[in-house]
All heavy atoms as atom14 arrays in JSON, in Angstrom:
{
  "sequence": "GSGSGAALHFILHDSQGSEVLRHEVPCNIGEQAEIELPGSKG",
  "atom14_mask": [
    [1, 1, 1, 1, 0, 0, 0, 0, 0, 0, 0, 0, 0, 0],
    [1, 1, 1, 1, 1, 1, 0, 0, 0, 0, 0, 0, 0, 0],
    [1, 1, 1, 1, 0, 0, 0, 0, 0, 0, 0, 0, 0, 0],
    [1, 1, 1, 1, 1, 1, 0, 0, 0, 0, 0, 0, 0, 0],
    [1, 1, 1, 1, 0, 0, 0, 0, 0, 0, 0, 0, 0, 0],
    [1, 1, 1, 1, 1, 0, 0, 0, 0, 0, 0, 0, 0, 0],
    [1, 1, 1, 1, 1, 0, 0, 0, 0, 0, 0, 0, 0, 0],
    [1, 1, 1, 1, 1, 1, 1, 1, 0, 0, 0, 0, 0, 0],
    [1, 1, 1, 1, 1, 1, 1, 1, 1, 1, 0, 0, 0, 0],
    [1, 1, 1, 1, 1, 1, 1, 1, 1, 1, 1, 0, 0, 0],
    [1, 1, 1, 1, 1, 1, 1, 1, 0, 0, 0, 0, 0, 0],
    [1, 1, 1, 1, 1, 1, 1, 1, 0, 0, 0, 0, 0, 0],
    [1, 1, 1, 1, 1, 1, 1, 1, 1, 1, 0, 0, 0, 0],
    [1, 1, 1, 1, 1, 1, 1, 1, 0, 0, 0, 0, 0, 0],
    [1, 1, 1, 1, 1, 1, 0, 0, 0, 0, 0, 0, 0, 0],
    [1, 1, 1, 1, 1, 1, 1, 1, 1, 0, 0, 0, 0, 0],
    [1, 1, 1, 1, 0, 0, 0, 0, 0, 0, 0, 0, 0, 0],
    [1, 1, 1, 1, 1, 1, 0, 0, 0, 0, 0, 0, 0, 0],
    [1, 1, 1, 1, 1, 1, 1, 1, 1, 0, 0, 0, 0, 0],
    [1, 1, 1, 1, 1, 1, 1, 0, 0, 0, 0, 0, 0, 0],
    [1, 1, 1, 1, 1, 1, 1, 1, 0, 0, 0, 0, 0, 0],
    [1, 1, 1, 1, 1, 1, 1, 1, 1, 1, 1, 0, 0, 0],
    [1, 1, 1, 1, 1, 1, 1, 1, 1, 1, 0, 0, 0, 0],
    [1, 1, 1, 1, 1, 1, 1, 1, 1, 0, 0, 0, 0, 0],
    [1, 1, 1, 1, 1, 1, 1, 0, 0, 0, 0, 0, 0, 0],
    [1, 1, 1, 1, 1, 1, 1, 0, 0, 0, 0, 0, 0, 0],
    [1, 1, 1, 1, 1, 1, 0, 0, 0, 0, 0, 0, 0, 0],
    [1, 1, 1, 1, 1, 1, 1, 1, 0, 0, 0, 0, 0, 0],
    [1, 1, 1, 1, 1, 1, 1, 1, 0, 0, 0, 0, 0, 0],
    [1, 1, 1, 1, 0, 0, 0, 0, 0, 0, 0, 0, 0, 0],
    [1, 1, 1, 1, 1, 1, 1, 1, 1, 0, 0, 0, 0, 0],
    [1, 1, 1, 1, 1, 1, 1, 1, 1, 0, 0, 0, 0, 0],
    [1, 1, 1, 1, 1, 0, 0, 0, 0, 0, 0, 0, 0, 0],
    [1, 1, 1, 1, 1, 1, 1, 1, 1, 0, 0, 0, 0, 0],
    [1, 1, 1, 1, 1, 1, 1, 1, 0, 0, 0, 0, 0, 0],
    [1, 1, 1, 1, 1, 1, 1, 1, 1, 0, 0, 0, 0, 0],
    [1, 1, 1, 1, 1, 1, 1, 1, 0, 0, 0, 0, 0, 0],
    [1, 1, 1, 1, 1, 1, 1, 0, 0, 0, 0, 0, 0, 0],
    [1, 1, 1, 1, 0, 0, 0, 0, 0, 0, 0, 0, 0, 0],
    [1, 1, 1, 1, 1, 1, 0, 0, 0, 0, 0, 0, 0, 0],
    [1, 1, 1, 1, 1, 1, 1, 1, 1, 0, 0, 0, 0, 0],
    [1, 1, 1, 1, 0, 0, 0, 0, 0, 0, 0, 0, 0, 0]
  ],
  "atom14_positions": [
    [[51.5, 76.42, 17.41], [52.0, 76.14, 18.77], [51.8, 77.32, 19.71], [50.83, 78.05, 19.59], [0.0, 0.0, 0.0], [0.0, 0.0, 0.0], [0.0, 0.0, 0.0], [0.0, 0.0, 0.0], [0.0, 0.0, 0.0], [0.0, 0.0, 0.0], [0.0, 0.0, 0.0], [0.0, 0.0, 0.0], [0.0, 0.0, 0.0], [0.0, 0.0, 0.0]],
    [[52.7, 77.45, 20.65], [52.6, 78.52, 21.63], [53.95, 79.11, 21.92], [54.97, 78.44, 21.75], [51.97, 77.97, 22.94], [52.81, 76.93, 23.47], [0.0, 0.0, 0.0], [0.0, 0.0, 0.0], [0.0, 0.0, 0.0], [0.0, 0.0, 0.0], [0.0, 0.0, 0.0], [0.0, 0.0, 0.0], [0.0, 0.0, 0.0], [0.0, 0.0, 0.0]],
    [[53.97, 80.37, 22.37], [55.23, 81.0, 22.69], [55.05, 82.51, 22.8], [54.02, 83.05, 22.33], [0.0, 0.0, 0.0], [0.0, 0.0, 0.0], [0.0, 0.0, 0.0], [0.0, 0.0, 0.0], [0.0, 0.0, 0.0], [0.0, 0.0, 0.0], [0.0, 0.0, 0.0], [0.0, 0.0, 0.0], [0.0, 0.0, 0.0], [0.0, 0.0, 0.0]],
    [[56.0, 83.17, 23.4], [55.96, 84.63, 23.56], [57.26, 85.2, 23.06], [58.26, 84.52, 22.98], [55.72, 85.01, 25.03], [56.76, 84.48, 25.86], [0.0, 0.0, 0.0], [0.0, 0.0, 0.0], [0.0, 0.0, 0.0], [0.0, 0.0, 0.0], [0.0, 0.0, 0.0], [0.0, 0.0, 0.0], [0.0, 0.0, 0.0], [0.0, 0.0, 0.0]],
    [[57.2, 86.52, 22.75], [58.4, 87.16, 22.27], [58.98, 86.52, 21.0], [60.17, 86.4, 20.84], [0.0, 0.0, 0.0], [0.0, 0.0, 0.0], [0.0, 0.0, 0.0], [0.0, 0.0, 0.0], [0.0, 0.0, 0.0], [0.0, 0.0, 0.0], [0.0, 0.0, 0.0], [0.0, 0.0, 0.0], [0.0, 0.0, 0.0], [0.0, 0.0, 0.0]],
    [[58.05, 86.1, 20.09], [58.5, 85.34, 18.93], [59.04, 86.27, 17.84], [58.62, 87.43, 17.69], [57.33, 84.53, 18.37], [0.0, 0.0, 0.0], [0.0, 0.0, 0.0], [0.0, 0.0, 0.0], [0.0, 0.0, 0.0], [0.0, 0.0, 0.0], [0.0, 0.0, 0.0], [0.0, 0.0, 0.0], [0.0, 0.0, 0.0], [0.0, 0.0, 0.0]],
    [[60.0, 85.77, 17.11], [60.6, 86.5, 15.99], [61.04, 85.53, 14.92], [61.37, 84.38, 15.19], [61.78, 87.32, 16.46], [0.0, 0.0, 0.0], [0.0, 0.0, 0.0], [0.0, 0.0, 0.0], [0.0, 0.0, 0.0], [0.0, 0.0, 0.0], [0.0, 0.0, 0.0], [0.0, 0.0, 0.0], [0.0, 0.0, 0.0], [0.0, 0.0, 0.0]],
    [[60.98, 85.97, 13.68], [61.45, 85.2, 12.52], [62.77, 85.75, 12.01], [62.91, 86.95, 11.82], [60.39, 85.23, 11.42], [59.13, 84.44, 11.69], [58.03, 84.88, 10.7], [59.39, 82.95, 11.57], [0.0, 0.0, 0.0], [0.0, 0.0, 0.0], [0.0, 0.0, 0.0], [0.0, 0.0, 0.0], [0.0, 0.0, 0.0], [0.0, 0.0, 0.0]],
    [[63.71, 84.85, 11.81], [65.04, 85.21, 11.28], [65.16, 84.56, 9.93], [65.09, 83.34, 9.82], [66.15, 84.72, 12.21], [66.12, 85.34, 13.58], [67.1, 86.18, 14.06], [65.19, 85.25, 14.59], [66.81, 86.55, 15.29], [65.67, 86.01, 15.63], [0.0, 0.0, 0.0], [0.0, 0.0, 0.0], [0.0, 0.0, 0.0], [0.0, 0.0, 0.0]],
    [[65.39, 85.38, 8.89], [65.57, 84.88, 7.54], [67.02, 85.08, 7.09], [67.6, 86.16, 7.27], [64.66, 85.64, 6.56], [63.17, 85.39, 6.79], [62.41, 86.28, 7.53], [62.56, 84.27, 6.3], [61.06, 86.08, 7.73], [61.21, 84.03, 6.5], [60.46, 84.93, 7.21], [0.0, 0.0, 0.0], [0.0, 0.0, 0.0], [0.0, 0.0, 0.0]],
    [[67.58, 84.05, 6.49], [68.95, 84.12, 5.92], [68.89, 83.52, 4.53], [68.38, 82.41, 4.34], [69.97, 83.35, 6.78], [69.92, 83.82, 8.21], [71.37, 83.55, 6.21], [70.79, 82.98, 9.15], [0.0, 0.0, 0.0], [0.0, 0.0, 0.0], [0.0, 0.0, 0.0], [0.0, 0.0, 0.0], [0.0, 0.0, 0.0], [0.0, 0.0, 0.0]],
    [[69.4, 84.28, 3.53], [69.39, 83.79, 2.16], [70.83, 83.57, 1.69], [71.69, 84.42, 1.87], [68.73, 84.85, 1.23], [68.34, 84.36, -0.19], [67.22, 83.37, -0.11], [67.96, 85.56, -1.04], [0.0, 0.0, 0.0], [0.0, 0.0, 0.0], [0.0, 0.0, 0.0], [0.0, 0.0, 0.0], [0.0, 0.0, 0.0], [0.0, 0.0, 0.0]],
    [[71.06, 82.37, 1.15], [72.42, 81.99, 0.66], [72.32, 81.75, -0.83], [71.3, 81.3, -1.37], [72.91, 80.73, 1.34], [73.23, 80.91, 2.8], [72.33, 80.68, 3.8], [74.37, 81.29, 3.42], [72.86, 80.89, 4.98], [74.1, 81.27, 4.78], [0.0, 0.0, 0.0], [0.0, 0.0, 0.0], [0.0, 0.0, 0.0], [0.0, 0.0, 0.0]],
    [[73.44, 82.07, -1.52], [73.52, 81.72, -2.98], [73.93, 80.27, -3.13], [74.14, 79.52, -2.16], [74.45, 82.69, -3.68], [75.87, 82.66, -3.19], [76.24, 81.65, -2.55], [76.62, 83.61, -3.45], [0.0, 0.0, 0.0], [0.0, 0.0, 0.0], [0.0, 0.0, 0.0], [0.0, 0.0, 0.0], [0.0, 0.0, 0.0], [0.0, 0.0, 0.0]],
    [[74.13, 79.87, -4.39], [74.45, 78.48, -4.69], [75.83, 78.03, -4.18], [76.11, 76.86, -4.01], [74.37, 78.21, -6.19], [75.25, 79.06, -6.91], [0.0, 0.0, 0.0], [0.0, 0.0, 0.0], [0.0, 0.0, 0.0], [0.0, 0.0, 0.0], [0.0, 0.0, 0.0], [0.0, 0.0, 0.0], [0.0, 0.0, 0.0], [0.0, 0.0, 0.0]],
    [[76.7, 79.02, -3.88], [78.03, 78.73, -3.32], [78.02, 78.69, -1.81], [79.07, 78.46, -1.17], [79.06, 79.73, -3.82], [79.51, 79.51, -5.26], [78.46, 79.94, -6.25], [77.87, 81.01, -6.12], [78.22, 79.08, -7.24], [0.0, 0.0, 0.0], [0.0, 0.0, 0.0], [0.0, 0.0, 0.0], [0.0, 0.0, 0.0], [0.0, 0.0, 0.0]],
    [[76.84, 78.99, -1.2], [76.75, 79.0, 0.27], [77.09, 80.32, 0.91], [77.12, 80.37, 2.14], [0.0, 0.0, 0.0], [0.0, 0.0, 0.0], [0.0, 0.0, 0.0], [0.0, 0.0, 0.0], [0.0, 0.0, 0.0], [0.0, 0.0, 0.0], [0.0, 0.0, 0.0], [0.0, 0.0, 0.0], [0.0, 0.0, 0.0], [0.0, 0.0, 0.0]],
    [[77.27, 81.35, 0.13], [77.58, 82.7, 0.69], [76.3, 83.39, 1.07], [75.29, 83.36, 0.31], [78.36, 83.52, -0.33], [79.6, 82.91, -0.64], [0.0, 0.0, 0.0], [0.0, 0.0, 0.0], [0.0, 0.0, 0.0], [0.0, 0.0, 0.0], [0.0, 0.0, 0.0], [0.0, 0.0, 0.0], [0.0, 0.0, 0.0], [0.0, 0.0, 0.0]],
    [[76.29, 84.06, 2.2], [75.1, 84.77, 2.66], [74.93, 86.03, 1.82], [75.86, 86.84, 1.67], [75.25, 85.12, 4.13], [74.04, 85.87, 4.71], [74.22, 86.18, 6.18], [74.67, 85.31, 6.94], [73.89, 87.35, 6.56], [0.0, 0.0, 0.0], [0.0, 0.0, 0.0], [0.0, 0.0, 0.0], [0.0, 0.0, 0.0], [0.0, 0.0, 0.0]],
    [[73.72, 86.26, 1.29], [73.46, 87.43, 0.46], [72.51, 88.4, 1.14], [72.48, 89.57, 0.79], [72.91, 87.02, -0.94], [73.99, 86.25, -1.7], [71.65, 86.16, -0.82], [0.0, 0.0, 0.0], [0.0, 0.0, 0.0], [0.0, 0.0, 0.0], [0.0, 0.0, 0.0], [0.0, 0.0, 0.0], [0.0, 0.0, 0.0], [0.0, 0.0, 0.0]],
    [[71.71, 87.95, 2.09], [70.9, 88.88, 2.87], [70.41, 88.22, 4.15], [70.35, 86.99, 4.26], [69.69, 89.43, 2.05], [68.53, 88.55, 1.61], [67.52, 88.33, 2.73], [67.85, 89.16, 0.38], [0.0, 0.0, 0.0], [0.0, 0.0, 0.0], [0.0, 0.0, 0.0], [0.0, 0.0, 0.0], [0.0, 0.0, 0.0], [0.0, 0.0, 0.0]],
    [[70.04, 89.04, 5.08], [69.55, 88.6, 6.4], [68.47, 89.59, 6.85], [68.58, 90.79, 6.65], [70.71, 88.56, 7.41], [70.35, 88.13, 8.83], [71.58, 88.18, 9.72], [72.57, 87.19, 9.37], [72.74, 86.04, 10.0], [71.96, 85.75, 11.02], [73.65, 85.18, 9.62], [0.0, 0.0, 0.0], [0.0, 0.0, 0.0], [0.0, 0.0, 0.0]],
    [[67.41, 89.04, 7.45], [66.32, 89.9, 7.89], [65.67, 89.28, 9.12], [65.55, 88.05, 9.23], [65.3, 90.04, 6.75], [64.16, 90.97, 7.08], [64.36, 92.26, 7.55], [62.8, 90.81, 6.98], [63.18, 92.84, 7.72], [62.23, 91.98, 7.4], [0.0, 0.0, 0.0], [0.0, 0.0, 0.0], [0.0, 0.0, 0.0], [0.0, 0.0, 0.0]],
    [[65.26, 90.14, 10.08], [64.59, 89.7, 11.28], [63.34, 90.54, 11.47], [63.32, 91.75, 11.27], [65.52, 89.85, 12.46], [64.91, 89.4, 13.8], [65.84, 89.56, 14.96], [67.08, 89.7, 14.73], [65.35, 89.61, 16.12], [0.0, 0.0, 0.0], [0.0, 0.0, 0.0], [0.0, 0.0, 0.0], [0.0, 0.0, 0.0], [0.0, 0.0, 0.0]],
    [[62.27, 89.86, 11.9], [61.0, 90.54, 12.11], [60.19, 89.84, 13.22], [60.23, 88.61, 13.33], [60.19, 90.55, 10.77], [59.83, 89.12, 10.31], [58.91, 91.4, 10.91], [0.0, 0.0, 0.0], [0.0, 0.0, 0.0], [0.0, 0.0, 0.0], [0.0, 0.0, 0.0], [0.0, 0.0, 0.0], [0.0, 0.0, 0.0], [0.0, 0.0, 0.0]],
    [[59.49, 90.58, 14.08], [58.67, 89.95, 15.1], [57.47, 89.3, 14.47], [57.03, 89.66, 13.35], [58.27, 91.11, 16.01], [58.38, 92.33, 15.16], [59.51, 92.06, 14.2], [0.0, 0.0, 0.0], [0.0, 0.0, 0.0], [0.0, 0.0, 0.0], [0.0, 0.0, 0.0], [0.0, 0.0, 0.0], [0.0, 0.0, 0.0], [0.0, 0.0, 0.0]],
    [[56.88, 88.29, 15.14], [55.69, 87.61, 14.6], [54.78, 87.19, 15.73], [55.19, 87.13, 16.89], [56.1, 86.41, 13.75], [56.72, 85.01, 14.7], [0.0, 0.0, 0.0], [0.0, 0.0, 0.0], [0.0, 0.0, 0.0], [0.0, 0.0, 0.0], [0.0, 0.0, 0.0], [0.0, 0.0, 0.0], [0.0, 0.0, 0.0], [0.0, 0.0, 0.0]],
    [[53.53, 86.91, 15.36], [52.55, 86.39, 16.3], [52.34, 84.91, 16.0], [51.96, 84.53, 14.9], [51.21, 87.16, 16.15], [51.34, 88.6, 16.5], [52.0, 88.95, 17.5], [50.73, 89.48, 15.72], [0.0, 0.0, 0.0], [0.0, 0.0, 0.0], [0.0, 0.0, 0.0], [0.0, 0.0, 0.0], [0.0, 0.0, 0.0], [0.0, 0.0, 0.0]],
    [[52.56, 84.06, 16.99], [52.42, 82.62, 16.81], [50.96, 82.28, 16.5], [50.05, 82.81, 17.13], [52.87, 81.87, 18.07], [54.32, 82.17, 18.37], [52.66, 80.38, 17.91], [55.29, 81.73, 17.31], [0.0, 0.0, 0.0], [0.0, 0.0, 0.0], [0.0, 0.0, 0.0], [0.0, 0.0, 0.0], [0.0, 0.0, 0.0], [0.0, 0.0, 0.0]],
    [[50.77, 81.43, 15.52], [49.43, 81.03, 15.12], [48.87, 81.79, 13.96], [47.75, 81.54, 13.52], [0.0, 0.0, 0.0], [0.0, 0.0, 0.0], [0.0, 0.0, 0.0], [0.0, 0.0, 0.0], [0.0, 0.0, 0.0], [0.0, 0.0, 0.0], [0.0, 0.0, 0.0], [0.0, 0.0, 0.0], [0.0, 0.0, 0.0], [0.0, 0.0, 0.0]],
    [[49.62, 82.77, 13.45], [49.13, 83.58, 12.33], [50.01, 83.36, 11.12], [51.12, 82.86, 11.21], [49.12, 85.07, 12.73], [48.17, 85.42, 13.85], [48.19, 86.9, 14.16], [48.91, 87.64, 13.48], [47.46, 87.33, 15.1], [0.0, 0.0, 0.0], [0.0, 0.0, 0.0], [0.0, 0.0, 0.0], [0.0, 0.0, 0.0], [0.0, 0.0, 0.0]],
    [[49.48, 83.74, 9.95], [50.25, 83.73, 8.73], [50.78, 85.12, 8.43], [50.06, 86.08, 8.53], [49.44, 83.21, 7.54], [50.19, 83.23, 6.21], [49.42, 82.56, 5.08], [49.21, 81.34, 5.11], [49.04, 83.38, 4.12], [0.0, 0.0, 0.0], [0.0, 0.0, 0.0], [0.0, 0.0, 0.0], [0.0, 0.0, 0.0], [0.0, 0.0, 0.0]],
    [[52.06, 85.2, 8.09], [52.68, 86.49, 7.81], [53.21, 86.5, 6.38], [53.62, 85.46, 5.84], [53.81, 86.79, 8.78], [0.0, 0.0, 0.0], [0.0, 0.0, 0.0], [0.0, 0.0, 0.0], [0.0, 0.0, 0.0], [0.0, 0.0, 0.0], [0.0, 0.0, 0.0], [0.0, 0.0, 0.0], [0.0, 0.0, 0.0], [0.0, 0.0, 0.0]],
    [[53.22, 87.65, 5.77], [53.81, 87.85, 4.46], [54.89, 88.92, 4.59], [54.6, 90.09, 4.96], [52.75, 88.28, 3.45], [53.26, 88.41, 2.04], [52.14, 88.69, 1.04], [51.53, 87.7, 0.54], [51.88, 89.88, 0.74], [0.0, 0.0, 0.0], [0.0, 0.0, 0.0], [0.0, 0.0, 0.0], [0.0, 0.0, 0.0], [0.0, 0.0, 0.0]],
    [[56.13, 88.54, 4.31], [57.29, 89.39, 4.66], [58.13, 89.61, 3.43], [58.6, 88.64, 2.8], [58.1, 88.74, 5.77], [57.23, 88.55, 7.04], [59.35, 89.56, 6.11], [57.72, 87.48, 7.95], [0.0, 0.0, 0.0], [0.0, 0.0, 0.0], [0.0, 0.0, 0.0], [0.0, 0.0, 0.0], [0.0, 0.0, 0.0], [0.0, 0.0, 0.0]],
    [[58.39, 90.87, 3.1], [59.32, 91.19, 2.01], [60.75, 91.11, 2.51], [61.05, 91.6, 3.59], [59.03, 92.59, 1.44], [59.96, 92.97, 0.31], [59.66, 94.33, -0.29], [58.49, 94.75, -0.2], [60.6, 94.95, -0.82], [0.0, 0.0, 0.0], [0.0, 0.0, 0.0], [0.0, 0.0, 0.0], [0.0, 0.0, 0.0], [0.0, 0.0, 0.0]],
    [[61.6, 90.47, 1.75], [63.0, 90.34, 2.11], [63.76, 91.58, 1.57], [63.96, 91.7, 0.34], [63.6, 89.06, 1.54], [62.88, 87.77, 1.96], [63.59, 86.57, 1.33], [62.9, 87.64, 3.47], [0.0, 0.0, 0.0], [0.0, 0.0, 0.0], [0.0, 0.0, 0.0], [0.0, 0.0, 0.0], [0.0, 0.0, 0.0], [0.0, 0.0, 0.0]],
    [[64.18, 92.49, 2.44], [64.86, 93.72, 1.96], [66.13, 93.41, 1.19], [66.9, 92.51, 1.58], [65.21, 94.42, 3.3], [64.25, 93.87, 4.29], [64.05, 92.44, 3.89], [0.0, 0.0, 0.0], [0.0, 0.0, 0.0], [0.0, 0.0, 0.0], [0.0, 0.0, 0.0], [0.0, 0.0, 0.0], [0.0, 0.0, 0.0], [0.0, 0.0, 0.0]],
    [[66.29, 94.11, 0.07], [67.5, 93.9, -0.77], [67.32, 92.82, -1.8], [68.2, 92.63, -2.65], [0.0, 0.0, 0.0], [0.0, 0.0, 0.0], [0.0, 0.0, 0.0], [0.0, 0.0, 0.0], [0.0, 0.0, 0.0], [0.0, 0.0, 0.0], [0.0, 0.0, 0.0], [0.0, 0.0, 0.0], [0.0, 0.0, 0.0], [0.0, 0.0, 0.0]],
    [[66.15, 92.12, -1.81], [65.98, 91.03, -2.76], [65.73, 91.49, -4.2], [65.97, 90.74, -5.15], [64.8, 90.17, -2.33], [63.59, 90.9, -2.22], [0.0, 0.0, 0.0], [0.0, 0.0, 0.0], [0.0, 0.0, 0.0], [0.0, 0.0, 0.0], [0.0, 0.0, 0.0], [0.0, 0.0, 0.0], [0.0, 0.0, 0.0], [0.0, 0.0, 0.0]],
    [[65.36, 92.77, -4.36], [65.13, 93.31, -5.72], [66.42, 93.32, -6.55], [66.36, 93.27, -7.78], [64.54, 94.69, -5.68], [63.14, 94.78, -5.09], [62.62, 96.22, -5.08], [61.28, 96.33, -4.42], [60.79, 97.72, -4.36], [0.0, 0.0, 0.0], [0.0, 0.0, 0.0], [0.0, 0.0, 0.0], [0.0, 0.0, 0.0], [0.0, 0.0, 0.0]],
    [[67.54, 93.39, -5.86], [68.84, 93.46, -6.55], [69.46, 92.13, -6.85], [70.54, 92.06, -7.47], [0.0, 0.0, 0.0], [0.0, 0.0, 0.0], [0.0, 0.0, 0.0], [0.0, 0.0, 0.0], [0.0, 0.0, 0.0], [0.0, 0.0, 0.0], [0.0, 0.0, 0.0], [0.0, 0.0, 0.0], [0.0, 0.0, 0.0], [0.0, 0.0, 0.0]]
  ]
}
């Protein structure tokens, strides 16, 4: 699609619905991104 000032917001929940991590990163529309979720190693 199209847009400016784009950003991706990631939220990870466990099976009980509790938030375990959150991450935000800018992105370019029309491209593929590979993003590590900080704190996911634990």
